[in-house]
PDB file of N, CA and C in Angstrom:
ATOM      1  N   UNK A   1      -5.928  19.552  26.523  1.00  0.00           N
ATOM      2  CA  UNK A   1      -5.955  20.014  25.136  1.00  0.00           C
ATOM      3  C   UNK A   1      -4.619  19.695  24.456  1.00  0.00           C
ATOM      4  N   UNK A   2      -3.524  19.924  25.192  1.00  0.00           N
ATOM      5  CA  UNK A   2      -2.203  19.659  24.622  1.00  0.00           C
ATOM      6  C   UNK A   2      -2.033  18.162  24.353  1.00  0.00           C
ATOM      7  N   UNK A   3      -2.468  17.341  25.307  1.00  0.00           N
ATOM      8  CA  UNK A   3      -2.368  15.893  25.144  1.00  0.00           C
ATOM      9  C   UNK A   3      -3.207  15.435  23.960  1.00  0.00           C
ATOM     10  N   UNK A   4      -4.400  15.997  23.838  1.00  0.00           N
ATOM     11  CA  UNK A   4      -5.303  15.624  22.749  1.00  0.00           C
ATOM     12  C   UNK A   4      -4.683  15.963  21.394  1.00  0.00           C
ATOM     13  N   UNK A   5      -4.067  17.150  21.317  1.00  0.00           N
ATOM     14  CA  UNK A   5      -3.458  17.573  20.057  1.00  0.00           C
ATOM     15  C   UNK A   5      -2.283  16.666  19.701  1.00  0.00           C
ATOM     16  N   UNK A   6      -1.495  16.297  20.697  1.00  0.00           N
ATOM     17  CA  UNK A   6      -0.360  15.411  20.459  1.00  0.00           C
ATOM     18  C   UNK A   6      -0.850  14.062  19.952  1.00  0.00           C
ATOM     19  N   UNK A   7      -1.912  13.550  20.584  1.00  0.00           N
ATOM     20  CA  UNK A   7      -2.489  12.275  20.172  1.00  0.00           C
ATOM     21  C   UNK A   7      -2.999  12.365  18.739  1.00  0.00           C
ATOM     22  N   UNK A   8      -3.661  13.476  18.403  1.00  0.00           N
ATOM     23  CA  UNK A   8      -4.202  13.659  17.059  1.00  0.00           C
ATOM     24  C   UNK A   8      -3.074  13.696  16.029  1.00  0.00           C
ATOM     25  N   UNK A   9      -1.960  14.348  16.387  1.00  0.00           N
ATOM     26  CA  UNK A   9      -0.813  14.401  15.479  1.00  0.00           C
ATOM     27  C   UNK A   9      -0.273  12.998  15.233  1.00  0.00           C
ATOM     28  N   UNK A  10      -0.194  12.193  16.294  1.00  0.00           N
ATOM     29  CA  UNK A  10       0.305  10.833  16.133  1.00  0.00           C
ATOM     30  C   UNK A  10      -0.631  10.011  15.257  1.00  0.00           C
ATOM     31  N   UNK A  11      -1.942  10.182  15.460  1.00  0.00           N
ATOM     32  CA  UNK A  11      -2.919   9.451  14.645  1.00  0.00           C
ATOM     33  C   UNK A  11      -2.777   9.867  13.183  1.00  0.00           C
ATOM     34  N   UNK A  12      -2.679  11.174  12.941  1.00  0.00           N
ATOM     35  CA  UNK A  12      -2.558  11.676  11.572  1.00  0.00           C
ATOM     36  C   UNK A  12      -1.284  11.128  10.927  1.00  0.00           C
ATOM     37  N   UNK A  13      -0.181  11.126  11.685  1.00  0.00           N
ATOM     38  CA  UNK A  13       1.087  10.615  11.182  1.00  0.00           C
ATOM     39  C   UNK A  13       0.971   9.133  10.847  1.00  0.00           C
ATOM     40  N   UNK A  14       0.302   8.387  11.736  1.00  0.00           N
ATOM     41  CA  UNK A  14       0.125   6.953  11.533  1.00  0.00           C
ATOM     42  C   UNK A  14      -0.712   6.689  10.285  1.00  0.00           C
ATOM     43  N   UNK A  15      -1.805   7.444  10.135  1.00  0.00           N
ATOM     44  CA  UNK A  15      -2.694   7.247   8.976  1.00  0.00           C
ATOM     45  C   UNK A  15      -1.952   7.566   7.686  1.00  0.00           C
ATOM     46  N   UNK A  16      -1.202   8.668   7.688  1.00  0.00           N
ATOM     47  CA  UNK A  16      -0.462   9.050   6.489  1.00  0.00           C
ATOM     48  C   UNK A  16       0.585   7.992   6.155  1.00  0.00           C
ATOM     49  N   UNK A  17       1.280   7.507   7.181  1.00  0.00           N
ATOM     50  CA  UNK A  17       2.278   6.464   6.968  1.00  0.00           C
ATOM     51  C   UNK A  17       1.638   5.192   6.439  1.00  0.00           C
ATOM     52  N   UNK A  18       0.486   4.843   6.990  1.00  0.00           N
ATOM     53  CA  UNK A  18      -0.210   3.635   6.551  1.00  0.00           C
ATOM     54  C   UNK A  18      -0.643   3.776   5.097  1.00  0.00           C
ATOM     55  N   UNK A  19      -1.111   4.967   4.716  1.00  0.00           N
ATOM     56  CA  UNK A  19      -1.547   5.203   3.343  1.00  0.00           C
ATOM     57  C   UNK A  19      -0.357   5.075   2.390  1.00  0.00           C
ATOM     58  N   UNK A  20       0.795   5.642   2.777  1.00  0.00           N
ATOM     59  CA  UNK A  20       1.990   5.530   1.942  1.00  0.00           C
ATOM     60  C   UNK A  20       2.372   4.073   1.759  1.00  0.00           C
ATOM     61  N   UNK A  21       2.316   3.301   2.854  1.00  0.00           N
ATOM     62  CA  UNK A  21       2.690   1.892   2.792  1.00  0.00           C
ATOM     63  C   UNK A  21       1.755   1.147   1.852  1.00  0.00           C
ATOM     64  N   UNK A  22       0.447   1.388   1.993  1.00  0.00           N
ATOM     65  CA  UNK A  22      -0.524   0.672   1.162  1.00  0.00           C
ATOM     66  C   UNK A  22      -0.361   1.070  -0.304  1.00  0.00           C
ATOM     67  N   UNK A  23      -0.071   2.345  -0.579  1.00  0.00           N
ATOM     68  CA  UNK A  23       0.155   2.777  -1.961  1.00  0.00           C
ATOM     69  C   UNK A  23       1.371   2.069  -2.539  1.00  0.00           C
ATOM     70  N   UNK A  24       2.455   1.999  -1.763  1.00  0.00           N
ATOM     71  CA  UNK A  24       3.660   1.318  -2.229  1.00  0.00           C
ATOM     72  C   UNK A  24       3.388  -0.149  -2.482  1.00  0.00           C
ATOM     73  N   UNK A  25       2.640  -0.803  -1.580  1.00  0.00           N
ATOM     74  CA  UNK A  25       2.304  -2.210  -1.762  1.00  0.00           C
ATOM     75  C   UNK A  25       1.493  -2.391  -3.033  1.00  0.00           C
ATOM     76  N   UNK A  26       0.530  -1.518  -3.264  1.00  0.00           N
ATOM     77  CA  UNK A  26      -0.325  -1.635  -4.445  1.00  0.00           C
ATOM     78  C   UNK A  26       0.513  -1.497  -5.713  1.00  0.00           C
ATOM     79  N   UNK A  27       1.419  -0.529  -5.724  1.00  0.00           N
ATOM     80  CA  UNK A  27       2.288  -0.314  -6.880  1.00  0.00           C
ATOM     81  C   UNK A  27       3.166  -1.542  -7.093  1.00  0.00           C
ATOM     82  N   UNK A  28       3.688  -2.085  -5.995  1.00  0.00           N
ATOM     83  CA  UNK A  28       4.555  -3.260  -6.069  1.00  0.00           C
ATOM     84  C   UNK A  28       3.794  -4.445  -6.643  1.00  0.00           C
ATOM     85  N   UNK A  29       2.556  -4.646  -6.181  1.00  0.00           N
ATOM     86  CA  UNK A  29       1.735  -5.754  -6.679  1.00  0.00           C
ATOM     87  C   UNK A  29       1.465  -5.559  -8.169  1.00  0.00           C
ATOM     88  N   UNK A  30       1.134  -4.348  -8.574  1.00  0.00           N
ATOM     89  CA  UNK A  30       0.854  -4.056  -9.982  1.00  0.00           C
ATOM     90  C   UNK A  30       2.091  -4.361 -10.827  1.00  0.00           C
ATOM     91  N   UNK A  31       3.279  -3.963 -10.336  1.00  0.00           N
ATOM     92  CA  UNK A  31       4.527  -4.225 -11.049  1.00  0.00           C
ATOM     93  C   UNK A  31       4.756  -5.723 -11.174  1.00  0.00           C
ATOM     94  N   UNK A  32       4.444  -6.482 -10.117  1.00  0.00           N
ATOM     95  CA  UNK A  32       4.587  -7.936 -10.164  1.00  0.00           C
ATOM     96  C   UNK A  32       3.698  -8.526 -11.241  1.00  0.00           C
ATOM     97  N   UNK A  33       2.467  -8.031 -11.354  1.00  0.00           N
ATOM     98  CA  UNK A  33       1.536  -8.537 -12.371  1.00  0.00           C
ATOM     99  C   UNK A  33       2.098  -8.268 -13.761  1.00  0.00           C
ATOM    100  N   UNK A  34       2.613  -7.064 -13.982  1.00  0.00           N
ATOM    101  CA  UNK A  34       3.179  -6.707 -15.289  1.00  0.00           C
ATOM    102  C   UNK A  34       4.366  -7.617 -15.595  1.00  0.00           C
ATOM    103  N   UNK A  35       5.253  -7.817 -14.611  1.00  0.00           N
ATOM    104  CA  UNK A  35       6.417  -8.684 -14.814  1.00  0.00           C
ATOM    105  C   UNK A  35       5.974 -10.099 -15.141  1.00  0.00           C
ATOM    106  N   UNK A  36       4.946 -10.584 -14.453  1.00  0.00           N
ATOM    107  CA  UNK A  36       4.472 -11.943 -14.681  1.00  0.00           C
ATOM    108  C   UNK A  36       3.915 -12.069 -16.097  1.00  0.00           C
ATOM    109  N   UNK A  37       3.193 -11.061 -16.564  1.00  0.00           N
ATOM    110  CA  UNK A  37       2.659 -11.088 -17.925  1.00  0.00           C
ATOM    111  C   UNK A  37       3.803 -11.102 -18.934  1.00  0.00           C
ATOM    112  N   UNK A  38       4.854 -10.333 -18.674  1.00  0.00           N
ATOM    113  CA  UNK A  38       6.012 -10.313 -19.568  1.00  0.00           C
ATOM    114  C   UNK A  38       6.644 -11.696 -19.644  1.00  0.00           C
ATOM    115  N   UNK A  39       6.887 -12.312 -18.493  1.00  0.00           N
ATOM    116  CA  UNK A  39       7.533 -13.625 -18.483  1.00  0.00           C
ATOM    117  C   UNK A  39       6.628 -14.658 -19.139  1.00  0.00           C
ATOM    118  N   UNK A  40       5.319 -14.542 -18.944  1.00  0.00           N
ATOM    119  CA  UNK A  40       4.388 -15.464 -19.605  1.00  0.00           C
ATOM    120  C   UNK A  40       4.499 -15.321 -21.117  1.00  0.00           C
ATOM    121  N   UNK A  41       4.543 -14.093 -21.610  1.00  0.00           N
ATOM    122  CA  UNK A  41       4.660 -13.863 -23.050  1.00  0.00           C
ATOM    123  C   UNK A  41       5.975 -14.428 -23.573  1.00  0.00           C
ATOM    124  N   UNK A  42       7.055 -14.230 -22.836  1.00  0.00           N
ATOM    125  CA  UNK A  42       8.352 -14.756 -23.257  1.00  0.00           C
ATOM    126  C   UNK A  42       8.326 -16.275 -23.272  1.00  0.00           C
ATOM    127  N   UNK A  43       7.687 -16.873 -22.272  1.00  0.00           N
ATOM    128  CA  UNK A  43       7.576 -18.329 -22.227  1.00  0.00           C
ATOM    129  C   UNK A  43       6.762 -18.832 -23.414  1.00  0.00           C
ATOM    130  N   UNK A  44       5.671 -18.148 -23.734  1.00  0.00           N
ATOM    131  CA  UNK A  44       4.836 -18.543 -24.874  1.00  0.00           C
ATOM    132  C   UNK A  44       5.649 -18.491 -26.161  1.00  0.00           C
ATOM    133  N   UNK A  45       6.382 -17.401 -26.373  1.00  0.00           N
ATOM    134  CA  UNK A  45       7.141 -17.253 -27.613  1.00  0.00           C
ATOM    135  C   UNK A  45       8.251 -18.305 -27.683  1.00  0.00           C
ATOM    136  N   UNK A  46       8.848 -18.643 -26.533  1.00  0.00           N
ATOM    137  CA  UNK A  46       9.922 -19.641 -26.550  1.00  0.00           C
ATOM    138  C   UNK A  46       9.362 -21.022 -26.890  1.00  0.00           C
ATOM    139  N   UNK A  47       8.109 -21.268 -26.541  1.00  0.00           N
ATOM    140  CA  UNK A  47       7.490 -22.549 -26.888  1.00  0.00           C
ATOM    141  C   UNK A  47       7.323 -22.637 -28.402  1.00  0.00           C
ATOM    142  N   UNK A  48       6.909 -21.550 -29.031  1.00  0.00           N
ATOM    143  CA  UNK A  48       6.614 -21.584 -30.463  1.00  0.00           C
ATOM    144  C   UNK A  48       7.888 -21.615 -31.301  1.00  0.00           C
ATOM    145  N   UNK A  49       8.971 -21.009 -30.811  1.00  0.00           N
ATOM    146  CA  UNK A  49      10.192 -20.942 -31.622  1.00  0.00           C
ATOM    147  C   UNK A  49      10.983 -22.226 -31.531  1.00  0.00           C
TER     148      UNK A  49
END
């Protein structure tokens, strides 16, 4: 029972850590998209000016 509980704690910790990592990656990707749109807009305006 003790071993099982320890294993479950490790699994829970791993899952929580994995979720945090994936959330951070998703946020990072979203930020990259926003930055890319900004640079695209700046490039477009520099072409016209």
